[in-house]
C-alpha cells in the first residue's frame, strides 16, 4: 500500500448549509445595506457540471480539503466547479487502459475527467497501451522516494549523528521489503535507484531479493511490517514517499514507532503527481477538469498540499513538513527530525523501457523455479577473452557463480558441464545435485564451482547434450514451477556420431506440441557461435539466444537470460 486508502468524499459546494445559516439574517442585512447576494447564489453558480477526479490515495485527502474549503472562495468560474475526488490507486486507472480491456469511455458521467497519479511513470506506461493518454502532465507537487525505517533501526545505523542514507539502512543484516513495484511507483523507482547505486552486484542483488522475498500486497499497510506493527515477518525498511513520513501521515498510518526517512545517495526520480485531463468527447466536463487543474496551482492549493507534507514543484518543503525537517518538540533537537530539507539531487524521469526492465528483473527474483545450467568445457573455452587475462571458461564460471545470488533461495538448481564423452559414453557430467539455491549457497558452491569444472578440452556434443538436458527437465518437471535450461557455449556441434540437428528439432517439437515446453536459453560466447543454429533450437522451446562477443557484459547477459524464469508460457 503506497498511501492512505480511504475513498475521498465527493467534494461539493456546501451552498445549502451556508444559505440556511444566513437566511435568518437576510432581512436585517437588506435593511442595513440595501442588497446582499446569497453566498454561492451569484450569477453563474447555478450548479456546475459534475466531474470525477481520480487521484492517488496519498494526495486525495489534500485535494478533497482544497475542493471543500478553498475552491468555493476562488476567483471567477473556479468557485462554481463541482469535482468528485476519488482516492484511486494509479494501477487501477492504468489497468483500465490495458490493451486486453479496450479504452475506457471517459465521456460517461462516471468516467475519469482528471487523473492525478503519483508519478509520470504511470502516464508513460499507460500511453504505451493507449496513445489517447498523454505521456506527460502538469506536476502539482513532488515528494522524494525514501526508505521508511524505525528510529531504533536508524539509530543503529548512526543517525542522527550521521545522515541517514540507503547504504546505512540497507546494511548486510538488514531486511528490506517493498510493495509490489507493479502497483507502486515508489517501489519501482527505488528498484531502479538500487541499480544506480555504487554497490557491488552482490549487494544490489541481495537488496532486491530481500524486497521481493518480503513483498507487500498493495492492499496491506507496509508500516505494519515494521517492528512492533503486529504483522510477521517483520522488515527493517521499505520504499515510500517522503510525504508519508510527516507526523500527521504517520498517525493516520498507525505507525507502531516513530519513523525516519533514509535518502538515496544517487540522483533518483521523485514522485511528481502529474495532472492530466481525460474527458475527451465532453467539452463541458473537459473544460471543468481543466479549470480545476489550473486551480491546483493557486496559493491556496499550495498551502493545502504543503500542510499534507508534499514539496512544491521545485522540491521545496513548507508547512508542517518543514517544521518536521527542522526539528520539533521542546528542544527542537535533530533526533526529532523524521525528514530533512535537503533530499539530494533529483534524477531524470526514467524511460518506459527502463521501468519495464526493472519490472522484469523483479519478476525474475520473485518467481519460484527450476533451472538447469549447462557449461561448455570444450577446448575452445581455453581461449582468452580479448582485452583481459581471463579465459572464456573462467569468465563463464564467474558469471554463473554470481548468477546464483540473483535467484530466490527456494529456486531448484543443478549444474552440468558438457563436451565429448565426459562420463563414459555420456557427453555431460553433473557438477551439482538438484537442490535449492539456499542449500547451494550454504555449501559454498559459488566459490567451489571453478574447482568442480573440468579442464577444457576436446570437442562439443551440443545436440546430444541439449536433448539430454531437455529430457532431464521433463522427467522431473513440477507444473507449479517455472523451468528453464541455460546453456553456455562458444561453438557449434562437433559430434558426427550423435544426433543430427534435424533429429534434435523434431524431438523438441514433439515435446512442445504436448504442452510440456521448457525454454532453452543459449548464451553464445565469443565470435565462433552460429546464432541462427542456436535460434532454431531455442525458438521451438520458447527460449532465447544471447550473444556476448567480448564477454565483458556476460554477467548482465546472464541476468537477462534469467527472465525466462519469470515466464510461464513459451515465447512470453
Protein backbone atom coordinates (compact mmCIF):
# COMPACT_ATOMS: atom_id res chain seq x y z
CA UNK A 1 0.00 0.00 0.00
CA UNK A 2 1.72 3.13 -1.17
CA UNK A 3 -0.57 5.59 0.59
CA UNK A 4 -3.73 6.00 2.60
CA UNK A 5 -6.62 4.01 1.24
CA UNK A 6 -9.78 5.85 2.10
CA UNK A 7 -12.15 6.94 -0.57
CA UNK A 8 -12.45 10.70 -0.72
CA UNK A 9 -15.97 12.05 -0.26
CA UNK A 10 -17.48 13.93 -3.10
CA UNK A 11 -16.24 17.49 -2.77
CA UNK A 12 -19.28 19.69 -3.43
CA UNK A 13 -20.00 23.30 -2.68
CA UNK A 14 -21.92 23.50 0.58
CA UNK A 15 -24.40 26.09 -0.65
CA UNK A 16 -27.39 24.61 1.13
CA UNK A 17 -25.72 24.61 4.54
CA UNK A 18 -24.39 28.14 4.26
CA UNK A 19 -27.55 29.53 2.70
CA UNK A 20 -29.59 28.11 5.58
CA UNK A 21 -27.25 29.68 8.10
CA UNK A 22 -27.64 33.17 6.65
CA UNK A 23 -31.29 33.04 5.66
CA UNK A 24 -32.45 34.43 9.01
CA UNK A 25 -30.21 37.47 8.60
CA UNK A 26 -31.24 38.44 5.10
CA UNK A 27 -33.97 40.84 6.13
CA UNK A 28 -31.71 42.68 8.56
CA UNK A 29 -28.84 42.85 6.09
CA UNK A 30 -31.05 44.10 3.29
CA UNK A 31 -32.40 46.80 5.52
CA UNK A 32 -28.93 47.84 6.62
CA UNK A 33 -27.05 47.54 3.35
CA UNK A 34 -29.75 47.69 0.74
CA UNK A 35 -28.82 44.46 -1.05
CA UNK A 36 -26.82 41.28 -0.32
CA UNK A 37 -26.36 38.35 -2.68
CA UNK A 38 -26.75 34.89 -1.09
CA UNK A 39 -23.44 33.05 -0.72
CA UNK A 40 -22.75 30.97 -3.86
CA UNK A 41 -26.04 32.18 -5.32
CA UNK A 42 -24.48 34.82 -7.53
CA UNK A 43 -24.75 34.84 -11.31
CA UNK A 44 -23.28 31.74 -12.98
CA UNK A 45 -23.34 29.45 -9.91
CA UNK A 46 -26.48 27.55 -10.62
CA UNK A 47 -24.61 24.24 -10.25
CA UNK A 48 -21.54 23.33 -12.25
CA UNK A 49 -21.08 20.23 -14.37
CA UNK A 50 -20.05 17.37 -12.03
CA UNK A 51 -16.82 15.62 -12.95
CA UNK A 52 -14.59 12.95 -11.44
CA UNK A 53 -11.00 13.40 -10.30
CA UNK A 54 -9.17 10.11 -9.75
CA UNK A 55 -6.21 10.94 -7.52
CA UNK A 56 -3.53 8.78 -5.93
CA UNK A 57 -4.66 7.87 -2.38
CA UNK A 58 -1.75 9.76 -0.83
CA UNK A 59 -2.76 13.10 -2.35
CA UNK A 60 -6.55 12.67 -2.48
CA UNK A 61 -7.17 13.94 1.10
CA UNK A 62 -5.34 17.21 0.38
CA UNK A 63 -7.32 17.68 -2.85
CA UNK A 64 -10.58 16.94 -1.06
CA UNK A 65 -9.85 19.58 1.57
CA UNK A 66 -8.95 22.07 -1.13
CA UNK A 67 -12.15 21.37 -3.08
CA UNK A 68 -14.34 21.67 0.02
CA UNK A 69 -12.66 24.50 1.90
CA UNK A 70 -10.83 26.65 -0.64
CA UNK A 71 -12.39 26.20 -4.05
CA UNK A 72 -15.71 27.93 -3.15
CA UNK A 73 -13.68 31.06 -2.34
CA UNK A 74 -11.72 31.04 -5.59
CA UNK A 75 -11.96 33.86 -8.09
CA UNK A 76 -14.12 33.58 -11.19
CA UNK A 77 -15.72 30.42 -12.52
CA UNK A 78 -13.49 28.12 -10.45
CA UNK A 79 -15.73 28.80 -7.43
CA UNK A 80 -18.60 27.04 -9.23
CA UNK A 81 -16.73 23.83 -10.04
CA UNK A 82 -18.24 20.57 -8.77
CA UNK A 83 -15.44 17.94 -8.57
CA UNK A 84 -15.80 14.49 -7.05
CA UNK A 85 -12.41 13.47 -5.64
CA UNK A 86 -11.86 9.72 -5.58
CA UNK A 87 -8.86 8.08 -3.89
CA UNK A 88 -7.91 5.64 -6.63
CA UNK A 89 -4.76 3.57 -6.96
CA UNK A 90 -2.94 4.61 -10.16
CA UNK A 91 -2.60 0.95 -11.10
CA UNK A 92 -6.39 0.70 -11.22
CA UNK A 93 -6.75 3.57 -13.68
CA UNK A 94 -3.79 2.35 -15.73
CA UNK A 95 -5.24 -1.16 -15.79
CA UNK A 96 -8.45 0.12 -17.35
CA UNK A 97 -6.41 1.07 -20.41
CA UNK A 98 -4.79 -2.32 -20.85
CA UNK A 99 -4.87 -3.50 -24.44
CA UNK A 100 -6.99 -6.51 -23.48
CA UNK A 101 -9.64 -4.32 -21.89
CA UNK A 102 -10.00 -1.61 -24.52
CA UNK A 103 -10.05 2.10 -23.73
CA UNK A 104 -12.49 3.23 -21.01
CA UNK A 105 -15.21 5.64 -22.06
CA UNK A 106 -14.43 8.93 -20.31
CA UNK A 107 -17.41 10.63 -21.93
CA UNK A 108 -19.66 8.86 -19.39
CA UNK A 109 -20.60 10.64 -16.17
CA UNK A 110 -18.67 8.13 -14.06
CA UNK A 111 -15.61 8.37 -16.30
CA UNK A 112 -12.37 9.95 -15.12
CA UNK A 113 -12.18 13.59 -16.20
CA UNK A 114 -8.91 14.41 -14.41
CA UNK A 115 -6.27 11.86 -13.42
CA UNK A 116 -3.59 12.63 -10.85
CA UNK A 117 -1.36 9.58 -10.29
CA UNK A 118 1.70 9.85 -8.07
CA UNK A 119 4.22 9.51 -10.89
CA UNK A 120 4.67 10.30 -14.57
CA UNK A 121 5.71 6.65 -14.90
CA UNK A 122 2.02 5.74 -14.82
CA UNK A 123 1.32 8.09 -17.72
CA UNK A 124 4.17 6.70 -19.79
CA UNK A 125 3.26 3.08 -19.15
CA UNK A 126 -0.42 3.75 -19.87
CA UNK A 127 0.42 5.74 -23.01
CA UNK A 128 2.28 2.66 -24.26
CA UNK A 129 -1.04 0.79 -24.05
CA UNK A 130 -3.29 3.60 -25.28
CA UNK A 131 -1.96 6.70 -27.04
CA UNK A 132 -5.01 8.73 -26.03
CA UNK A 133 -3.42 9.09 -22.59
CA UNK A 134 -0.79 11.86 -22.53
CA UNK A 135 2.78 10.84 -21.67
CA UNK A 136 3.24 13.92 -19.51
CA UNK A 137 1.08 16.04 -17.25
CA UNK A 138 1.32 19.18 -15.15
CA UNK A 139 3.05 18.39 -11.86
CA UNK A 140 1.14 19.83 -8.89
CA UNK A 141 3.52 18.63 -6.14
CA UNK A 142 6.56 16.43 -5.55
CA UNK A 143 7.86 14.00 -2.95
CA UNK A 144 11.22 12.20 -2.84
CA UNK A 145 11.36 8.41 -2.74
CA UNK A 146 12.82 7.42 0.63
CA UNK A 147 13.23 4.33 2.76
CA UNK A 148 10.99 4.28 5.82
CA UNK A 149 12.59 2.78 8.91
CA UNK A 150 12.08 2.97 12.66
CA UNK A 151 14.05 5.44 14.73
CA UNK A 152 15.62 2.47 16.54
CA UNK A 153 16.97 0.97 13.31
CA UNK A 154 18.05 4.44 12.22
CA UNK A 155 19.91 4.88 15.49
CA UNK A 156 21.71 1.58 14.93
CA UNK A 157 22.76 2.95 11.53
CA UNK A 158 24.39 6.03 13.08
CA UNK A 159 21.50 8.51 12.98
CA UNK A 160 21.15 11.32 13.99
CA UNK A 161 24.91 11.91 14.22
CA UNK A 162 25.19 10.78 10.59
CA UNK A 163 22.80 11.48 7.74
CA UNK A 164 20.55 8.50 7.15
CA UNK A 165 21.30 7.03 3.71
CA UNK A 166 20.21 3.90 1.92
CA UNK A 167 23.66 2.40 2.34
CA UNK A 168 23.46 2.82 6.11
CA UNK A 169 19.92 1.44 6.38
CA UNK A 170 20.42 -1.46 3.96
CA UNK A 171 23.48 -2.91 5.63
CA UNK A 172 24.29 -6.60 5.31
CA UNK A 173 21.98 -7.76 8.11
CA UNK A 174 19.05 -5.53 7.19
CA UNK A 175 15.78 -6.98 5.93
CA UNK A 176 14.17 -4.83 3.23
CA UNK A 177 10.62 -5.15 1.97
CA UNK A 178 8.61 -3.38 -0.72
CA UNK A 179 5.10 -3.01 -2.01
CA UNK A 180 4.95 -4.80 -5.35
CA UNK A 181 6.53 -2.35 -7.86
CA UNK A 182 3.94 -3.36 -10.44
CA UNK A 183 1.47 -1.35 -8.36
CA UNK A 184 3.75 1.10 -6.52
CA UNK A 185 5.68 3.85 -8.29
CA UNK A 186 7.76 4.47 -5.15
CA UNK A 187 8.87 0.83 -5.11
CA UNK A 188 9.61 0.81 -8.83
CA UNK A 189 11.69 3.99 -8.64
CA UNK A 190 13.52 2.52 -5.64
CA UNK A 191 14.38 -0.68 -7.51
CA UNK A 192 15.78 1.39 -10.38
CA UNK A 193 17.74 3.56 -7.94
CA UNK A 194 19.27 0.50 -6.29
CA UNK A 195 20.72 -0.42 -9.67
CA UNK A 196 22.31 3.04 -9.92
CA UNK A 197 23.99 2.99 -6.50
CA UNK A 198 27.72 2.39 -6.36
CA UNK A 199 27.36 -1.02 -4.76
CA UNK A 200 28.76 -4.34 -5.92
CA UNK A 201 26.48 -6.75 -7.78
CA UNK A 202 26.11 -8.98 -4.74
CA UNK A 203 24.84 -6.11 -2.58
CA UNK A 204 22.36 -4.87 -5.18
CA UNK A 205 21.09 -8.39 -5.73
CA UNK A 206 20.77 -9.09 -2.01
CA UNK A 207 18.66 -5.97 -1.50
CA UNK A 208 16.30 -6.60 -4.42
CA UNK A 209 15.99 -10.25 -3.38
CA UNK A 210 15.07 -9.20 0.13
CA UNK A 211 12.45 -6.79 -1.18
CA UNK A 212 10.98 -9.47 -3.43
CA UNK A 213 11.03 -12.09 -0.69
CA UNK A 214 9.23 -9.69 1.65
CA UNK A 215 6.91 -8.26 -0.99
CA UNK A 216 3.87 -6.46 0.42
CA UNK A 217 0.46 -6.62 -1.22
CA UNK A 218 -0.94 -3.24 -2.39
CA UNK A 219 -3.92 -3.72 -0.07
CA UNK A 220 -1.70 -4.15 3.01
CA UNK A 221 -0.20 -1.43 5.17
CA UNK A 222 3.62 -1.64 4.93
CA UNK A 223 4.00 0.23 8.23
CA UNK A 224 2.54 -2.82 9.96
CA UNK A 225 5.52 -4.86 8.75
CA UNK A 226 7.96 -2.75 10.75
CA UNK A 227 8.94 -3.99 14.23
CA UNK A 228 6.01 -3.59 16.60
CA UNK A 229 3.47 -3.40 13.79
CA UNK A 230 1.99 -6.79 14.56
CA UNK A 231 2.49 -8.37 11.14
CA UNK A 232 5.09 -11.08 10.56
CA UNK A 233 7.67 -11.43 9.18
CA UNK A 234 8.98 -8.01 10.13
CA UNK A 235 11.18 -5.86 7.93
CA UNK A 236 13.61 -3.06 8.70
CA UNK A 237 12.80 -0.71 5.84
CA UNK A 238 10.65 -0.22 2.75
CA UNK A 239 10.47 2.43 -0.02
CA UNK A 240 7.73 5.03 0.13
CA UNK A 241 7.06 8.71 -0.48
CA UNK A 242 8.68 11.13 1.94
CA UNK A 243 5.23 12.69 2.36
CA UNK A 244 4.05 9.57 4.18
CA UNK A 245 6.54 10.16 6.99
CA UNK A 246 5.46 13.54 8.32
CA UNK A 247 3.89 13.22 11.80
CA UNK A 248 0.29 13.61 10.62
CA UNK A 249 0.68 10.94 7.97
CA UNK A 250 2.38 8.58 10.43
CA UNK A 251 -0.56 8.94 12.79
CA UNK A 252 -3.03 8.04 10.04
CA UNK A 253 -0.89 5.03 9.14
CA UNK A 254 -0.95 3.91 12.79
CA UNK A 255 2.82 3.66 12.70
CA UNK A 256 3.99 1.35 15.51
CA UNK A 257 7.01 3.54 16.28
CA UNK A 258 8.46 6.88 15.18
CA UNK A 259 9.51 6.52 11.55
CA UNK A 260 12.52 8.17 9.94
CA UNK A 261 13.33 8.71 6.25
CA UNK A 262 16.56 7.49 4.67
CA UNK A 263 17.58 9.20 1.43
CA UNK A 264 19.38 7.73 -1.61
CA UNK A 265 22.97 8.73 -2.34
CA UNK A 266 22.46 8.95 -6.10
CA UNK A 267 20.07 11.13 -8.15
CA UNK A 268 16.71 9.37 -8.01
CA UNK A 269 13.48 10.41 -9.78
CA UNK A 270 10.87 11.82 -7.41
CA UNK A 271 7.15 11.27 -7.35
CA UNK A 272 5.75 14.22 -9.28
CA UNK A 273 1.92 13.93 -9.16
CA UNK A 274 1.08 14.94 -12.75
CA UNK A 275 -2.44 16.08 -13.58
CA UNK A 276 -3.87 15.10 -16.98
CA UNK A 277 -7.32 15.74 -18.43
CA UNK A 278 -9.00 12.63 -19.86
CA UNK A 279 -12.55 13.88 -20.54
CA UNK A 280 -12.40 13.52 -24.32
CA UNK A 281 -15.70 13.95 -26.13
CA UNK A 282 -17.42 16.00 -23.42
CA UNK A 283 -16.48 19.65 -23.82
CA UNK A 284 -18.25 20.88 -20.68
CA UNK A 285 -16.70 18.28 -18.41
CA UNK A 286 -13.30 18.71 -20.05
CA UNK A 287 -13.40 22.47 -19.52
CA UNK A 288 -14.36 21.96 -15.87
CA UNK A 289 -11.49 19.49 -15.40
CA UNK A 290 -9.05 21.95 -16.97
CA UNK A 291 -10.25 24.74 -14.69
CA UNK A 292 -9.84 22.56 -11.61
CA UNK A 293 -6.36 21.52 -12.75
CA UNK A 294 -5.41 25.19 -13.14
CA UNK A 295 -6.83 25.96 -9.70
CA UNK A 296 -4.41 23.43 -8.22
CA UNK A 297 -1.59 25.88 -8.94
CA UNK A 298 -3.14 28.55 -6.72
CA UNK A 299 -1.63 29.71 -3.44
CA UNK A 300 -4.49 28.09 -1.52
CA UNK A 301 -3.83 24.71 -3.14
CA UNK A 302 -0.11 25.02 -2.48
CA UNK A 303 -0.78 25.64 1.21
CA UNK A 304 -3.08 22.60 1.43
CA UNK A 305 -0.54 20.35 -0.26
CA UNK A 306 2.27 21.65 1.96
CA UNK A 307 0.17 21.00 5.05
CA UNK A 308 -0.09 17.36 3.97
CA UNK A 309 3.68 17.01 3.61
CA UNK A 310 4.15 17.49 -0.12
CA UNK A 311 7.01 19.53 -1.56
CA UNK A 312 6.28 22.08 -4.26
CA UNK A 313 7.22 21.53 -7.89
CA UNK A 314 10.68 22.95 -7.17
CA UNK A 315 11.25 20.43 -4.38
CA UNK A 316 10.85 22.91 -1.52
CA UNK A 317 9.36 21.86 1.82
CA UNK A 318 6.89 24.14 3.60
CA UNK A 319 4.28 23.98 6.33
CA UNK A 320 4.28 21.15 8.85
CA UNK A 321 6.74 19.12 6.78
CA UNK A 322 9.28 21.93 7.06
CA UNK A 323 8.75 22.07 10.82
CA UNK A 324 9.36 18.32 10.97
CA UNK A 325 12.58 18.61 8.98
CA UNK A 326 13.97 21.44 11.09
CA UNK A 327 13.20 19.75 14.40
CA UNK A 328 10.15 19.83 16.62
CA UNK A 329 9.46 19.26 20.26
CA UNK A 330 10.71 21.21 23.24
CA UNK A 331 14.37 21.05 22.31
CA UNK A 332 14.00 21.06 18.54
CA UNK A 333 16.88 18.61 18.57
CA UNK A 334 17.99 16.73 15.49
CA UNK A 335 16.76 13.41 16.85
CA UNK A 336 13.19 14.61 16.36
CA UNK A 337 13.56 15.02 12.63
CA UNK A 338 11.67 12.50 10.52
CA UNK A 339 12.67 14.02 7.18
CA UNK A 340 15.27 16.52 6.04
CA UNK A 341 15.07 19.63 3.89
CA UNK A 342 17.88 18.63 1.53
CA UNK A 343 16.68 15.45 -0.15
CA UNK A 344 19.56 15.35 -2.63
CA UNK A 345 19.56 15.76 -6.41
CA UNK A 346 16.55 14.71 -8.44
CA UNK A 347 17.20 12.07 -11.10
CA UNK A 348 15.87 12.41 -14.65
CA UNK A 349 12.48 10.84 -15.37
CA UNK A 350 13.03 7.17 -16.26
CA UNK A 351 12.05 5.83 -19.65
CA UNK A 352 9.33 3.23 -20.08
CA UNK A 353 11.94 0.74 -21.29
CA UNK A 354 13.99 1.22 -18.15
CA UNK A 355 10.92 0.76 -15.98
CA UNK A 356 9.91 -2.40 -17.82
CA UNK A 357 13.45 -3.75 -17.49
CA UNK A 358 13.34 -3.19 -13.74
CA UNK A 359 9.98 -4.96 -13.52
CA UNK A 360 11.35 -7.90 -15.49
CA UNK A 361 14.26 -8.21 -13.09
CA UNK A 362 11.86 -8.00 -10.17
CA UNK A 363 9.79 -10.80 -11.68
CA UNK A 364 12.93 -12.86 -12.15
CA UNK A 365 13.90 -12.80 -8.50
CA UNK A 366 10.27 -13.12 -7.36
CA UNK A 367 9.40 -16.37 -9.07
CA UNK A 368 9.95 -19.88 -7.77
CA UNK A 369 11.55 -22.00 -10.44
CA UNK A 370 13.72 -24.87 -11.56
CA UNK A 371 16.86 -24.17 -13.58
CA UNK A 372 19.48 -26.39 -15.20
CA UNK A 373 22.73 -24.57 -16.05
CA UNK A 374 24.96 -26.32 -18.61
CA UNK A 375 28.57 -25.24 -19.23
CA UNK A 376 30.63 -25.92 -22.35
CA UNK A 377 34.08 -27.33 -21.41
CA UNK A 378 35.38 -27.95 -24.93
CA UNK A 379 38.94 -26.94 -25.81
CA UNK A 380 37.98 -23.58 -27.29
CA UNK A 381 36.82 -22.42 -23.85
CA UNK A 382 40.53 -22.02 -23.02
CA UNK A 383 40.69 -19.03 -25.36
CA UNK A 384 41.49 -15.74 -23.67
CA UNK A 385 38.83 -13.04 -23.65
CA UNK A 386 40.14 -10.13 -25.78
CA UNK A 387 41.45 -7.28 -23.65
CA UNK A 388 41.61 -9.38 -20.48
CA UNK A 389 43.75 -12.03 -18.87
CA UNK A 390 40.89 -14.45 -18.21
CA UNK A 391 39.70 -17.33 -20.34
CA UNK A 392 36.19 -17.89 -21.62
CA UNK A 393 35.87 -20.70 -19.11
CA UNK A 394 36.90 -18.51 -16.19
CA UNK A 395 34.55 -15.72 -17.26
CA UNK A 396 31.67 -18.17 -17.62
CA UNK A 397 32.20 -19.82 -14.24
CA UNK A 398 32.40 -16.41 -12.58
CA UNK A 399 29.15 -15.26 -14.23
CA UNK A 400 27.34 -18.45 -13.18
CA UNK A 401 28.63 -18.12 -9.62
CA UNK A 402 27.40 -14.53 -9.44
CA UNK A 403 24.12 -15.52 -11.05
CA UNK A 404 23.29 -17.85 -8.17
CA UNK A 405 22.89 -14.77 -6.00
CA UNK A 406 20.24 -13.44 -8.38
CA UNK A 407 17.76 -16.23 -7.73
CA UNK A 408 15.23 -16.75 -4.99
CA UNK A 409 16.54 -19.02 -2.23
CA UNK A 410 13.91 -21.68 -2.99
CA UNK A 411 14.75 -21.99 -6.70
CA UNK A 412 15.85 -25.54 -7.56
CA UNK A 413 19.15 -25.53 -9.46
CA UNK A 414 21.54 -28.11 -10.88
CA UNK A 415 24.73 -27.62 -12.91
CA UNK A 416 26.17 -29.71 -15.74
CA UNK A 417 29.26 -29.48 -17.88
CA UNK A 418 29.41 -30.89 -21.40
CA UNK A 419 31.94 -31.73 -24.08
CA UNK A 420 32.56 -35.17 -25.62
CA UNK A 421 32.37 -38.45 -23.67
CA UNK A 422 32.95 -36.89 -20.28
CA UNK A 423 31.29 -39.73 -18.37
CA UNK A 424 31.71 -42.98 -20.28
CA UNK A 425 29.70 -42.59 -23.45
CA UNK A 426 27.74 -39.68 -21.99
CA UNK A 427 28.74 -36.23 -23.13
CA UNK A 428 27.71 -34.41 -19.96
CA UNK A 429 28.61 -34.69 -16.29
CA UNK A 430 26.70 -33.40 -13.28
CA UNK A 431 28.55 -30.76 -11.27
CA UNK A 432 25.93 -30.19 -8.57
CA UNK A 433 22.81 -32.06 -7.44
CA UNK A 434 19.28 -30.75 -7.67
CA UNK A 435 18.66 -28.63 -4.60
CA UNK A 436 17.52 -25.18 -3.62
CA UNK A 437 19.78 -22.19 -4.13
CA UNK A 438 19.85 -21.63 -0.36
CA UNK A 439 21.45 -25.06 0.08
CA UNK A 440 24.00 -24.41 -2.69
CA UNK A 441 24.95 -21.11 -1.09
CA UNK A 442 25.22 -22.68 2.36
CA UNK A 443 27.63 -25.25 0.93
CA UNK A 444 29.70 -22.55 -0.75
CA UNK A 445 29.07 -23.75 -4.30
CA UNK A 446 29.66 -20.34 -5.94
CA UNK A 447 33.21 -20.34 -4.57
CA UNK A 448 33.78 -24.02 -5.33
CA UNK A 449 32.34 -24.14 -8.85
CA UNK A 450 35.67 -23.46 -10.56
CA UNK A 451 37.17 -26.46 -8.73
CA UNK A 452 34.38 -28.74 -9.93
CA UNK A 453 34.58 -27.81 -13.62
CA UNK A 454 36.85 -29.98 -15.79
CA UNK A 455 39.88 -28.57 -17.57
CA UNK A 456 38.59 -27.52 -21.01
CA UNK A 457 39.49 -29.83 -23.87
CA UNK A 458 38.08 -31.88 -26.71
CA UNK A 459 35.06 -31.29 -28.92
CA UNK A 460 31.41 -30.38 -28.32
CA UNK A 461 28.36 -32.65 -28.38
CA UNK A 462 25.92 -29.76 -28.31
CA UNK A 463 22.88 -31.51 -29.80
CA UNK A 464 23.08 -34.64 -27.64
CA UNK A 465 23.58 -32.55 -24.52
CA UNK A 466 20.67 -30.24 -25.33
CA UNK A 467 18.34 -33.22 -25.74
CA UNK A 468 19.63 -34.88 -22.56
CA UNK A 469 19.10 -31.67 -20.60
CA UNK A 470 15.61 -31.30 -22.03
CA UNK A 471 14.65 -34.85 -21.07
CA UNK A 472 16.10 -34.32 -17.59
CA UNK A 473 13.86 -31.32 -17.06
CA UNK A 474 10.76 -33.04 -18.42
CA UNK A 475 11.23 -36.09 -16.20
CA UNK A 476 11.28 -34.05 -13.01
CA UNK A 477 9.16 -31.10 -14.03
CA UNK A 478 6.80 -29.65 -11.45
CA UNK A 479 3.85 -27.94 -13.13
CA UNK A 480 3.77 -25.41 -10.28
CA UNK A 481 7.35 -24.31 -11.00
CA UNK A 482 8.73 -22.22 -13.83
CA UNK A 483 11.50 -24.10 -15.59
CA UNK A 484 14.39 -23.10 -17.83
CA UNK A 485 17.57 -24.58 -19.29
CA UNK A 486 20.52 -22.21 -19.76
CA UNK A 487 23.38 -23.45 -21.94
CA UNK A 488 26.70 -21.61 -22.23
CA UNK A 489 28.62 -22.50 -25.40
CA UNK A 490 31.25 -20.95 -27.66
CA UNK A 491 30.83 -23.13 -30.72
CA UNK A 492 28.72 -25.48 -32.81
CA UNK A 493 28.00 -29.20 -32.53
CA UNK A 494 31.13 -31.28 -33.25
CA UNK A 495 29.86 -34.81 -32.72
CA UNK A 496 29.29 -36.54 -36.08
CA UNK A 497 28.26 -39.77 -34.32
CA UNK A 498 25.49 -38.10 -32.34
CA UNK A 499 22.00 -36.98 -33.28
CA UNK A 500 21.63 -34.53 -36.13
CA UNK A 501 20.23 -31.03 -35.93
CA UNK A 502 17.05 -32.14 -37.70
CA UNK A 503 16.58 -35.03 -35.26
CA UNK A 504 17.03 -32.70 -32.29
CA UNK A 505 14.50 -30.20 -33.64
CA UNK A 506 11.99 -33.00 -34.27
CA UNK A 507 12.40 -34.34 -30.72
CA UNK A 508 11.98 -30.91 -29.19
CA UNK A 509 8.98 -30.17 -31.37
CA UNK A 510 7.27 -33.37 -30.26
CA UNK A 511 7.55 -32.30 -26.62
CA UNK A 512 6.44 -28.72 -27.14
CA UNK A 513 3.42 -29.93 -29.07
CA UNK A 514 2.28 -31.81 -25.97
CA UNK A 515 2.27 -28.60 -23.94
CA UNK A 516 5.36 -29.53 -21.91
CA UNK A 517 7.78 -26.99 -23.32
CA UNK A 518 10.76 -25.93 -21.22
CA UNK A 519 12.53 -22.79 -22.52
CA UNK A 520 16.08 -23.43 -23.70
CA UNK A 521 18.21 -20.29 -23.42
CA UNK A 522 21.60 -20.18 -25.14
CA UNK A 523 24.35 -17.79 -24.13
CA UNK A 524 26.76 -17.75 -27.04
CA UNK A 525 30.35 -16.87 -26.14
CA UNK A 526 32.88 -15.30 -28.48
CA UNK A 527 32.73 -14.91 -32.25
CA UNK A 528 32.56 -18.55 -33.38
CA UNK A 529 28.91 -19.08 -32.47
CA UNK A 530 26.32 -19.58 -35.20
CA UNK A 531 23.33 -17.61 -33.85
CA UNK A 532 20.97 -18.95 -36.50
CA UNK A 533 21.67 -22.52 -35.43
CA UNK A 534 21.02 -21.74 -31.78
CA UNK A 535 17.94 -19.66 -32.58
CA UNK A 536 16.26 -22.56 -34.40
CA UNK A 537 16.61 -24.67 -31.25
CA UNK A 538 15.57 -22.01 -28.75
CA UNK A 539 12.55 -20.78 -30.72
CA UNK A 540 10.91 -24.20 -30.70
CA UNK A 541 11.03 -24.23 -26.90
CA UNK A 542 10.11 -20.60 -26.31
CA UNK A 543 13.65 -19.70 -25.27
CA UNK A 544 16.11 -17.07 -26.46
CA UNK A 545 19.66 -16.62 -27.68
CA UNK A 546 22.00 -14.11 -26.06
CA UNK A 547 25.35 -13.32 -27.66
CA UNK A 548 28.39 -11.98 -25.85
CA UNK A 549 31.17 -11.48 -28.36
CA UNK A 550 33.59 -9.84 -25.95
CA UNK A 551 32.11 -11.42 -22.80
CA UNK A 552 32.68 -8.16 -20.97
CA UNK A 553 28.96 -7.93 -20.25
CA UNK A 554 28.48 -11.63 -19.57
CA UNK A 555 27.06 -11.20 -16.06
CA UNK A 556 24.43 -8.75 -17.31
CA UNK A 557 23.50 -11.10 -20.14
CA UNK A 558 23.17 -13.97 -17.69
CA UNK A 559 20.87 -11.82 -15.56
CA UNK A 560 18.74 -11.01 -18.60
CA UNK A 561 18.58 -14.67 -19.57
CA UNK A 562 17.07 -15.49 -16.20
CA UNK A 563 13.94 -13.60 -17.25
CA UNK A 564 12.79 -16.90 -18.72
CA UNK A 565 12.12 -17.97 -15.14
CA UNK A 566 9.51 -15.22 -14.91
CA UNK A 567 7.64 -16.57 -17.92
CA UNK A 568 5.11 -19.37 -17.61
CA UNK A 569 4.31 -19.78 -21.29
CA UNK A 570 6.64 -20.32 -24.26
CA UNK A 571 7.52 -17.14 -26.07
CA UNK A 572 6.04 -14.81 -23.46
